[in-house]
N, C-alpha and C. Protein backbone atom coordinates (compact mmCIF):
# COMPACT_ATOMS: atom_id res chain seq x y z
N MET A 1 29.35 43.92 5.18
CA MET A 1 29.24 42.78 6.07
C MET A 1 30.26 41.71 5.66
N ASN A 2 30.91 41.12 6.64
CA ASN A 2 31.86 40.06 6.30
C ASN A 2 31.12 38.74 6.22
N SER A 3 31.52 37.94 5.25
CA SER A 3 30.81 36.72 4.93
C SER A 3 31.76 35.54 4.81
N ILE A 4 31.20 34.34 4.97
CA ILE A 4 31.96 33.11 4.77
C ILE A 4 31.03 32.06 4.17
N ILE A 5 31.61 31.26 3.28
CA ILE A 5 30.91 30.12 2.71
C ILE A 5 31.51 28.87 3.33
N ILE A 6 30.66 28.04 3.88
CA ILE A 6 31.09 26.79 4.51
C ILE A 6 30.35 25.66 3.78
N TYR A 7 31.06 24.58 3.53
CA TYR A 7 30.39 23.49 2.81
C TYR A 7 30.68 22.14 3.45
N GLY A 8 29.72 21.24 3.27
CA GLY A 8 29.86 19.85 3.67
C GLY A 8 29.65 18.99 2.43
N SER A 9 30.72 18.41 1.92
CA SER A 9 30.66 17.63 0.69
C SER A 9 31.37 16.31 0.89
N HIS A 10 30.78 15.26 0.38
CA HIS A 10 31.43 13.95 0.52
C HIS A 10 32.09 13.51 -0.78
N TYR A 11 31.40 13.73 -1.90
CA TYR A 11 31.93 13.28 -3.19
C TYR A 11 32.21 14.41 -4.17
N GLY A 12 31.93 15.67 -3.78
CA GLY A 12 32.42 16.78 -4.58
C GLY A 12 31.42 17.72 -5.21
N THR A 13 30.16 17.34 -5.39
CA THR A 13 29.25 18.27 -6.06
C THR A 13 28.96 19.51 -5.21
N THR A 14 28.80 19.32 -3.92
CA THR A 14 28.56 20.47 -3.04
C THR A 14 29.78 21.37 -3.01
N LYS A 15 30.96 20.79 -2.99
CA LYS A 15 32.19 21.58 -3.02
C LYS A 15 32.26 22.39 -4.31
N GLN A 16 31.84 21.80 -5.42
CA GLN A 16 31.85 22.53 -6.69
C GLN A 16 30.94 23.75 -6.62
N TYR A 17 29.74 23.57 -6.06
CA TYR A 17 28.83 24.71 -5.88
C TYR A 17 29.46 25.77 -4.98
N ALA A 18 30.06 25.34 -3.87
CA ALA A 18 30.65 26.28 -2.92
C ALA A 18 31.78 27.07 -3.57
N GLU A 19 32.62 26.39 -4.30
CA GLU A 19 33.75 27.08 -4.96
C GLU A 19 33.26 28.03 -6.05
N GLU A 20 32.22 27.65 -6.78
CA GLU A 20 31.67 28.55 -7.80
C GLU A 20 31.03 29.76 -7.14
N LEU A 21 30.32 29.56 -6.04
CA LEU A 21 29.71 30.67 -5.31
C LEU A 21 30.80 31.61 -4.80
N SER A 22 31.89 31.04 -4.30
CA SER A 22 33.02 31.84 -3.82
C SER A 22 33.62 32.66 -4.97
N LYS A 23 33.78 32.03 -6.11
CA LYS A 23 34.34 32.71 -7.28
C LYS A 23 33.46 33.87 -7.71
N ARG A 24 32.17 33.68 -7.67
CA ARG A 24 31.23 34.71 -8.12
C ARG A 24 31.05 35.85 -7.13
N THR A 25 31.33 35.59 -5.85
CA THR A 25 31.07 36.60 -4.82
C THR A 25 32.33 37.11 -4.13
N ASN A 26 33.45 36.48 -4.40
CA ASN A 26 34.71 36.81 -3.70
C ASN A 26 34.60 36.60 -2.19
N ILE A 27 33.83 35.61 -1.80
CA ILE A 27 33.69 35.27 -0.39
C ILE A 27 34.54 34.03 -0.11
N LYS A 28 35.25 34.07 1.00
CA LYS A 28 36.10 32.95 1.41
C LYS A 28 35.26 31.68 1.56
N VAL A 29 35.83 30.54 1.13
CA VAL A 29 35.14 29.26 1.24
C VAL A 29 35.99 28.29 2.06
N ILE A 30 35.32 27.48 2.89
CA ILE A 30 36.04 26.56 3.77
C ILE A 30 35.15 25.33 4.03
N SER A 31 35.78 24.18 4.21
CA SER A 31 35.06 22.96 4.55
C SER A 31 34.58 23.04 6.00
N PHE A 32 33.44 22.45 6.28
CA PHE A 32 32.93 22.43 7.65
C PHE A 32 33.90 21.72 8.59
N LYS A 33 34.72 20.85 8.05
CA LYS A 33 35.67 20.10 8.87
C LYS A 33 36.74 21.01 9.46
N LYS A 34 36.92 22.19 8.88
CA LYS A 34 37.95 23.12 9.35
C LYS A 34 37.39 24.30 10.12
N ILE A 35 36.08 24.33 10.29
CA ILE A 35 35.47 25.49 10.95
C ILE A 35 35.57 25.34 12.48
N ASN A 36 35.67 26.46 13.15
CA ASN A 36 35.71 26.47 14.60
C ASN A 36 35.01 27.74 15.09
N GLN A 37 35.36 28.22 16.25
CA GLN A 37 34.71 29.41 16.82
C GLN A 37 34.83 30.63 15.92
N GLN A 38 35.75 30.62 14.97
CA GLN A 38 35.92 31.76 14.06
C GLN A 38 34.62 32.07 13.30
N ILE A 39 33.73 31.10 13.21
CA ILE A 39 32.46 31.31 12.51
C ILE A 39 31.70 32.48 13.13
N ASN A 40 31.90 32.72 14.42
CA ASN A 40 31.19 33.80 15.11
C ASN A 40 31.69 35.18 14.72
N ASP A 41 32.81 35.25 14.00
CA ASP A 41 33.34 36.53 13.53
C ASP A 41 32.63 37.04 12.28
N TYR A 42 31.79 36.21 11.69
CA TYR A 42 31.15 36.57 10.42
C TYR A 42 29.70 36.98 10.62
N ASP A 43 29.28 37.94 9.79
CA ASP A 43 27.90 38.42 9.82
C ASP A 43 26.99 37.59 8.92
N ASN A 44 27.53 37.20 7.76
CA ASN A 44 26.79 36.36 6.80
C ASN A 44 27.41 34.98 6.79
N ILE A 45 26.62 33.99 7.09
CA ILE A 45 27.10 32.61 7.07
C ILE A 45 26.29 31.87 6.01
N ILE A 46 27.02 31.38 5.01
CA ILE A 46 26.39 30.66 3.90
C ILE A 46 26.85 29.22 4.01
N TYR A 47 25.89 28.33 4.28
CA TYR A 47 26.23 26.91 4.44
C TYR A 47 25.65 26.11 3.29
N LEU A 48 26.49 25.37 2.59
CA LEU A 48 26.06 24.45 1.54
C LEU A 48 26.35 23.05 2.03
N GLY A 49 25.33 22.20 2.03
CA GLY A 49 25.53 20.85 2.55
C GLY A 49 24.87 19.79 1.69
N ALA A 50 25.60 18.71 1.49
CA ALA A 50 25.08 17.57 0.74
C ALA A 50 24.05 16.83 1.58
N LEU A 51 23.04 16.31 0.91
CA LEU A 51 22.01 15.52 1.58
C LEU A 51 22.47 14.08 1.67
N TYR A 52 22.49 13.55 2.90
CA TYR A 52 22.86 12.17 3.15
C TYR A 52 21.93 11.58 4.19
N VAL A 53 21.27 10.50 3.85
CA VAL A 53 20.39 9.78 4.76
C VAL A 53 19.45 10.75 5.50
N GLY A 54 18.85 11.63 4.76
CA GLY A 54 17.87 12.54 5.33
C GLY A 54 18.44 13.75 6.05
N GLY A 55 19.75 13.84 6.16
CA GLY A 55 20.36 14.97 6.85
C GLY A 55 21.23 15.79 5.92
N VAL A 56 21.67 16.93 6.41
CA VAL A 56 22.55 17.81 5.65
C VAL A 56 23.95 17.67 6.25
N LEU A 57 24.87 17.17 5.47
CA LEU A 57 26.22 16.87 5.94
C LEU A 57 26.90 18.07 6.59
N GLY A 58 27.26 17.92 7.85
CA GLY A 58 28.03 18.92 8.58
C GLY A 58 27.26 20.12 9.10
N MET A 59 26.00 20.25 8.71
CA MET A 59 25.23 21.44 9.08
C MET A 59 25.05 21.56 10.59
N SER A 60 24.65 20.50 11.23
CA SER A 60 24.41 20.53 12.66
C SER A 60 25.68 20.92 13.42
N LYS A 61 26.77 20.25 13.10
CA LYS A 61 28.05 20.52 13.76
C LYS A 61 28.47 21.98 13.57
N THR A 62 28.29 22.48 12.37
CA THR A 62 28.72 23.84 12.05
C THR A 62 27.86 24.90 12.74
N LEU A 63 26.56 24.79 12.60
CA LEU A 63 25.69 25.84 13.11
C LEU A 63 25.52 25.79 14.62
N LYS A 64 25.87 24.66 15.22
CA LYS A 64 25.84 24.53 16.67
C LYS A 64 26.88 25.45 17.33
N ILE A 65 27.92 25.80 16.60
CA ILE A 65 29.00 26.63 17.13
C ILE A 65 28.58 28.09 17.28
N LEU A 66 27.54 28.49 16.54
CA LEU A 66 27.11 29.90 16.58
C LEU A 66 26.66 30.30 17.98
N ASN A 67 27.14 31.45 18.43
CA ASN A 67 26.77 31.95 19.75
C ASN A 67 25.52 32.80 19.69
N ASN A 68 25.62 33.95 19.09
CA ASN A 68 24.52 34.91 19.05
C ASN A 68 24.14 35.14 17.60
N ILE A 69 22.96 34.64 17.21
CA ILE A 69 22.59 34.77 15.79
C ILE A 69 21.74 35.99 15.51
N SER A 70 21.41 36.77 16.52
CA SER A 70 20.49 37.89 16.31
C SER A 70 21.02 38.90 15.30
N ASN A 71 22.32 39.04 15.20
CA ASN A 71 22.89 40.02 14.27
C ASN A 71 23.52 39.36 13.04
N LYS A 72 23.15 38.12 12.77
CA LYS A 72 23.72 37.39 11.65
C LYS A 72 22.66 37.06 10.61
N LYS A 73 23.13 36.93 9.37
CA LYS A 73 22.29 36.42 8.30
C LYS A 73 22.78 35.01 8.02
N ILE A 74 21.84 34.08 7.95
CA ILE A 74 22.20 32.68 7.73
C ILE A 74 21.50 32.19 6.46
N PHE A 75 22.29 31.60 5.59
CA PHE A 75 21.80 31.04 4.34
C PHE A 75 22.21 29.57 4.31
N ILE A 76 21.25 28.71 4.00
CA ILE A 76 21.55 27.28 3.92
C ILE A 76 21.09 26.78 2.56
N ALA A 77 21.98 26.09 1.86
CA ALA A 77 21.62 25.47 0.59
C ALA A 77 21.92 23.98 0.68
N THR A 78 20.90 23.17 0.41
CA THR A 78 21.10 21.73 0.38
C THR A 78 21.42 21.32 -1.05
N VAL A 79 22.18 20.24 -1.18
CA VAL A 79 22.53 19.72 -2.50
C VAL A 79 22.18 18.24 -2.51
N GLY A 80 21.24 17.88 -3.38
CA GLY A 80 20.80 16.49 -3.43
C GLY A 80 20.55 16.02 -4.85
N LEU A 81 20.26 14.76 -4.96
CA LEU A 81 20.06 14.14 -6.26
C LEU A 81 18.68 14.42 -6.85
N SER A 82 17.67 14.48 -6.01
CA SER A 82 16.31 14.64 -6.53
C SER A 82 15.99 16.10 -6.85
N ASP A 83 14.93 16.28 -7.60
CA ASP A 83 14.53 17.59 -8.10
C ASP A 83 14.17 18.55 -6.96
N PRO A 84 14.90 19.65 -6.83
CA PRO A 84 14.62 20.59 -5.74
C PRO A 84 13.34 21.40 -5.95
N LEU A 85 12.74 21.30 -7.12
CA LEU A 85 11.50 22.01 -7.36
C LEU A 85 10.27 21.22 -6.91
N ASP A 86 10.45 19.95 -6.61
CA ASP A 86 9.37 19.11 -6.15
C ASP A 86 9.01 19.49 -4.71
N GLU A 87 7.77 19.89 -4.49
CA GLU A 87 7.34 20.38 -3.17
C GLU A 87 7.43 19.31 -2.08
N VAL A 88 7.07 18.08 -2.40
CA VAL A 88 7.14 17.00 -1.42
C VAL A 88 8.60 16.80 -1.00
N ASN A 89 9.48 16.81 -1.96
CA ASN A 89 10.92 16.66 -1.69
C ASN A 89 11.40 17.81 -0.79
N LYS A 90 11.06 19.04 -1.15
CA LYS A 90 11.48 20.20 -0.35
C LYS A 90 10.95 20.11 1.08
N ASN A 91 9.70 19.72 1.21
CA ASN A 91 9.10 19.60 2.55
C ASN A 91 9.80 18.53 3.38
N ASN A 92 10.15 17.40 2.76
CA ASN A 92 10.87 16.35 3.47
C ASN A 92 12.24 16.82 3.92
N ILE A 93 12.94 17.53 3.04
CA ILE A 93 14.27 18.06 3.38
C ILE A 93 14.15 19.01 4.56
N ARG A 94 13.21 19.93 4.49
CA ARG A 94 13.05 20.92 5.55
C ARG A 94 12.64 20.28 6.88
N LYS A 95 11.80 19.26 6.80
CA LYS A 95 11.39 18.54 8.01
C LYS A 95 12.62 17.91 8.67
N ASN A 96 13.47 17.30 7.87
CA ASN A 96 14.68 16.69 8.41
C ASN A 96 15.67 17.74 8.93
N MET A 97 15.71 18.89 8.27
CA MET A 97 16.59 19.97 8.73
C MET A 97 16.18 20.44 10.12
N LYS A 98 14.89 20.51 10.37
CA LYS A 98 14.39 20.96 11.67
C LYS A 98 14.90 20.08 12.81
N ASN A 99 15.19 18.82 12.49
CA ASN A 99 15.70 17.90 13.50
C ASN A 99 17.21 18.05 13.70
N GLN A 100 17.87 18.79 12.83
CA GLN A 100 19.32 18.94 12.90
C GLN A 100 19.78 20.24 13.53
N ILE A 101 18.95 21.26 13.44
CA ILE A 101 19.39 22.57 13.93
C ILE A 101 18.32 23.15 14.86
N SER A 102 18.72 24.16 15.62
CA SER A 102 17.77 24.77 16.56
C SER A 102 16.63 25.46 15.80
N LYS A 103 15.51 25.58 16.47
CA LYS A 103 14.34 26.25 15.90
C LYS A 103 14.71 27.69 15.52
N GLU A 104 15.47 28.34 16.37
CA GLU A 104 15.87 29.72 16.15
C GLU A 104 16.67 29.86 14.85
N VAL A 105 17.64 28.98 14.64
CA VAL A 105 18.47 29.03 13.44
C VAL A 105 17.62 28.68 12.22
N PHE A 106 16.79 27.65 12.33
CA PHE A 106 15.95 27.23 11.19
C PHE A 106 15.04 28.37 10.74
N GLU A 107 14.41 29.04 11.70
CA GLU A 107 13.48 30.12 11.36
C GLU A 107 14.19 31.35 10.81
N LYS A 108 15.41 31.57 11.21
CA LYS A 108 16.17 32.73 10.74
C LYS A 108 16.77 32.51 9.35
N ALA A 109 17.10 31.28 9.05
CA ALA A 109 17.84 30.96 7.81
C ALA A 109 16.97 31.11 6.56
N LYS A 110 17.61 31.59 5.51
CA LYS A 110 17.03 31.55 4.17
C LYS A 110 17.52 30.23 3.59
N ILE A 111 16.58 29.42 3.13
CA ILE A 111 16.92 28.06 2.71
C ILE A 111 16.72 27.90 1.20
N PHE A 112 17.70 27.27 0.59
CA PHE A 112 17.70 27.01 -0.85
C PHE A 112 17.98 25.52 -1.08
N HIS A 113 17.58 25.04 -2.24
CA HIS A 113 17.82 23.64 -2.59
C HIS A 113 18.43 23.58 -3.99
N LEU A 114 19.55 22.91 -4.09
CA LEU A 114 20.26 22.77 -5.36
C LEU A 114 20.30 21.30 -5.74
N ARG A 115 20.44 21.05 -7.02
CA ARG A 115 20.51 19.66 -7.49
C ARG A 115 21.95 19.31 -7.79
N GLY A 116 22.38 18.18 -7.29
CA GLY A 116 23.76 17.75 -7.44
C GLY A 116 23.93 16.64 -8.45
N GLY A 117 24.52 15.57 -8.04
CA GLY A 117 24.76 14.44 -8.92
C GLY A 117 25.30 13.28 -8.12
N ILE A 118 25.60 12.20 -8.83
CA ILE A 118 26.14 11.02 -8.18
C ILE A 118 26.93 10.22 -9.20
N ASP A 119 27.99 9.62 -8.74
CA ASP A 119 28.79 8.70 -9.55
C ASP A 119 28.98 7.45 -8.71
N TYR A 120 28.18 6.44 -9.00
CA TYR A 120 28.20 5.21 -8.19
C TYR A 120 29.57 4.56 -8.15
N SER A 121 30.37 4.77 -9.20
CA SER A 121 31.70 4.14 -9.22
C SER A 121 32.63 4.75 -8.18
N LYS A 122 32.29 5.93 -7.67
CA LYS A 122 33.14 6.59 -6.68
C LYS A 122 32.65 6.42 -5.24
N LEU A 123 31.49 5.78 -5.08
CA LEU A 123 30.96 5.60 -3.73
C LEU A 123 31.82 4.60 -2.96
N ASN A 124 31.99 4.87 -1.68
CA ASN A 124 32.72 3.90 -0.85
C ASN A 124 31.81 2.70 -0.58
N PHE A 125 32.37 1.66 0.00
CA PHE A 125 31.64 0.41 0.19
C PHE A 125 30.36 0.62 1.01
N VAL A 126 30.45 1.37 2.08
CA VAL A 126 29.29 1.59 2.94
C VAL A 126 28.18 2.31 2.17
N HIS A 127 28.54 3.37 1.44
CA HIS A 127 27.53 4.12 0.69
C HIS A 127 26.95 3.30 -0.46
N LYS A 128 27.78 2.50 -1.13
CA LYS A 128 27.27 1.61 -2.20
C LYS A 128 26.26 0.62 -1.62
N THR A 129 26.61 0.04 -0.49
CA THR A 129 25.73 -0.93 0.16
C THR A 129 24.43 -0.27 0.58
N MET A 130 24.54 0.90 1.16
CA MET A 130 23.37 1.65 1.62
C MET A 130 22.45 1.98 0.43
N MET A 131 23.04 2.43 -0.67
CA MET A 131 22.24 2.78 -1.85
C MET A 131 21.60 1.54 -2.46
N LYS A 132 22.30 0.42 -2.45
CA LYS A 132 21.73 -0.83 -2.99
C LYS A 132 20.53 -1.27 -2.16
N LEU A 133 20.66 -1.20 -0.84
CA LEU A 133 19.54 -1.56 0.03
C LEU A 133 18.35 -0.62 -0.18
N LEU A 134 18.64 0.66 -0.28
CA LEU A 134 17.58 1.64 -0.49
C LEU A 134 16.91 1.42 -1.85
N TYR A 135 17.72 1.19 -2.87
CA TYR A 135 17.19 0.92 -4.21
C TYR A 135 16.29 -0.31 -4.19
N SER A 136 16.75 -1.36 -3.56
CA SER A 136 15.97 -2.60 -3.48
C SER A 136 14.63 -2.37 -2.78
N ALA A 137 14.64 -1.52 -1.77
CA ALA A 137 13.42 -1.25 -1.02
C ALA A 137 12.41 -0.42 -1.83
N VAL A 138 12.88 0.56 -2.60
CA VAL A 138 11.94 1.46 -3.28
C VAL A 138 11.56 1.01 -4.68
N LYS A 139 12.38 0.21 -5.33
CA LYS A 139 12.06 -0.17 -6.72
C LYS A 139 10.79 -1.01 -6.81
N ASN A 140 10.44 -1.71 -5.74
CA ASN A 140 9.24 -2.55 -5.76
C ASN A 140 8.01 -1.85 -5.19
N LEU A 141 8.18 -0.61 -4.76
CA LEU A 141 7.01 0.14 -4.29
C LEU A 141 6.09 0.43 -5.48
N PRO A 142 4.79 0.43 -5.25
CA PRO A 142 3.89 0.85 -6.33
C PRO A 142 4.21 2.30 -6.73
N LYS A 143 4.08 2.62 -8.00
CA LYS A 143 4.42 3.96 -8.52
C LYS A 143 3.79 5.08 -7.70
N GLU A 144 2.54 4.88 -7.31
CA GLU A 144 1.83 5.96 -6.59
C GLU A 144 2.38 6.17 -5.18
N LYS A 145 3.15 5.22 -4.67
CA LYS A 145 3.75 5.38 -3.34
C LYS A 145 5.19 5.87 -3.42
N GLN A 146 5.75 5.96 -4.61
CA GLN A 146 7.13 6.42 -4.77
C GLN A 146 7.15 7.95 -4.75
N THR A 147 8.09 8.48 -3.99
CA THR A 147 8.29 9.93 -3.97
C THR A 147 9.15 10.33 -5.15
N ALA A 148 9.27 11.62 -5.40
CA ALA A 148 10.15 12.11 -6.47
C ALA A 148 11.58 11.69 -6.19
N GLU A 149 11.94 11.69 -4.92
CA GLU A 149 13.29 11.27 -4.53
C GLU A 149 13.51 9.79 -4.84
N ASP A 150 12.50 8.97 -4.56
CA ASP A 150 12.58 7.54 -4.88
C ASP A 150 12.75 7.34 -6.39
N ARG A 151 11.93 8.04 -7.17
CA ARG A 151 11.98 7.89 -8.63
C ARG A 151 13.32 8.34 -9.18
N ALA A 152 13.87 9.42 -8.63
CA ALA A 152 15.18 9.91 -9.09
C ALA A 152 16.25 8.86 -8.81
N MET A 153 16.18 8.24 -7.66
CA MET A 153 17.18 7.23 -7.32
C MET A 153 17.04 6.02 -8.23
N ILE A 154 15.82 5.58 -8.50
CA ILE A 154 15.59 4.44 -9.37
C ILE A 154 16.12 4.73 -10.78
N GLU A 155 15.84 5.93 -11.28
CA GLU A 155 16.27 6.30 -12.64
C GLU A 155 17.78 6.40 -12.77
N THR A 156 18.44 6.77 -11.71
CA THR A 156 19.88 7.03 -11.80
C THR A 156 20.73 5.94 -11.15
N TYR A 157 20.09 4.92 -10.62
CA TYR A 157 20.84 3.91 -9.87
C TYR A 157 21.97 3.29 -10.70
N ASN A 158 23.13 3.23 -10.07
CA ASN A 158 24.33 2.62 -10.64
C ASN A 158 24.87 3.36 -11.86
N GLN A 159 24.56 4.64 -11.96
CA GLN A 159 25.02 5.45 -13.09
C GLN A 159 25.82 6.65 -12.58
N LYS A 160 26.35 7.36 -13.52
CA LYS A 160 26.99 8.65 -13.22
C LYS A 160 26.08 9.72 -13.81
N VAL A 161 25.55 10.57 -12.94
CA VAL A 161 24.68 11.65 -13.41
C VAL A 161 25.12 12.96 -12.75
N ASN A 162 24.96 14.02 -13.50
CA ASN A 162 25.37 15.33 -13.00
C ASN A 162 24.28 16.34 -13.35
N PHE A 163 23.61 16.85 -12.32
CA PHE A 163 22.57 17.84 -12.51
C PHE A 163 23.02 19.23 -12.04
N ILE A 164 24.32 19.42 -11.84
CA ILE A 164 24.80 20.71 -11.34
C ILE A 164 24.39 21.82 -12.30
N ASP A 165 23.84 22.87 -11.73
CA ASP A 165 23.39 24.02 -12.50
C ASP A 165 23.84 25.28 -11.74
N PHE A 166 24.97 25.82 -12.15
CA PHE A 166 25.52 26.98 -11.44
C PHE A 166 24.60 28.19 -11.50
N SER A 167 23.71 28.26 -12.48
CA SER A 167 22.79 29.40 -12.52
C SER A 167 21.84 29.39 -11.33
N SER A 168 21.66 28.23 -10.70
CA SER A 168 20.79 28.17 -9.52
C SER A 168 21.41 28.89 -8.32
N LEU A 169 22.69 29.24 -8.42
CA LEU A 169 23.34 30.02 -7.37
C LEU A 169 22.90 31.49 -7.39
N ASP A 170 22.34 31.94 -8.50
CA ASP A 170 21.95 33.35 -8.65
C ASP A 170 20.99 33.80 -7.55
N LYS A 171 20.04 32.93 -7.17
CA LYS A 171 19.08 33.28 -6.11
C LYS A 171 19.79 33.50 -4.78
N ILE A 172 20.78 32.66 -4.51
CA ILE A 172 21.53 32.79 -3.27
C ILE A 172 22.33 34.09 -3.28
N ILE A 173 23.00 34.36 -4.38
CA ILE A 173 23.80 35.58 -4.52
C ILE A 173 22.94 36.82 -4.32
N THR A 174 21.76 36.83 -4.92
CA THR A 174 20.84 37.96 -4.78
C THR A 174 20.47 38.18 -3.31
N GLU A 175 20.17 37.11 -2.59
CA GLU A 175 19.80 37.23 -1.17
C GLU A 175 20.98 37.68 -0.31
N VAL A 176 22.14 37.16 -0.59
CA VAL A 176 23.33 37.52 0.19
C VAL A 176 23.67 38.99 0.00
N GLN A 177 23.45 39.50 -1.19
CA GLN A 177 23.83 40.87 -1.50
C GLN A 177 22.79 41.90 -1.04
N LYS A 178 21.65 41.48 -0.54
CA LYS A 178 20.61 42.41 -0.05
C LYS A 178 21.10 43.16 1.17
């Protein structure tokens, strides 16, 4: 089966995962910004997307191009700051994903969650402002009302943190090779 890895990355951690996955599988990797109807030529579509404001960067635009998914395998991996093992976090991500892609694609896709990182010094003005507002809103919430995502943001605010774990790609590789 012919395969392609497509990624949506703003600051680089998702791109790092995509390039490592490409290296380990010998599958071509491309940014979602460069994808077009050629996506329909592939049987296996592996999409890695950074989490931004509750959505997966580039996922909607990319998967909307698919014509007939009945004969395709679709894999989606999100990359975010908070712990992907936290069930509440995973459920929130998946709920937001349902709003971005068709029900048919969502139900067909094998979904994975990876942990990325953040370097506040590299954020553009809009993202810095957005993160400051979000931080200000959640830091005063009572502990019992804070989600794992809120706590991760509070703990890492204004720092450089890197949670990239390339071994977490093994699950994706196993599924793709089935």
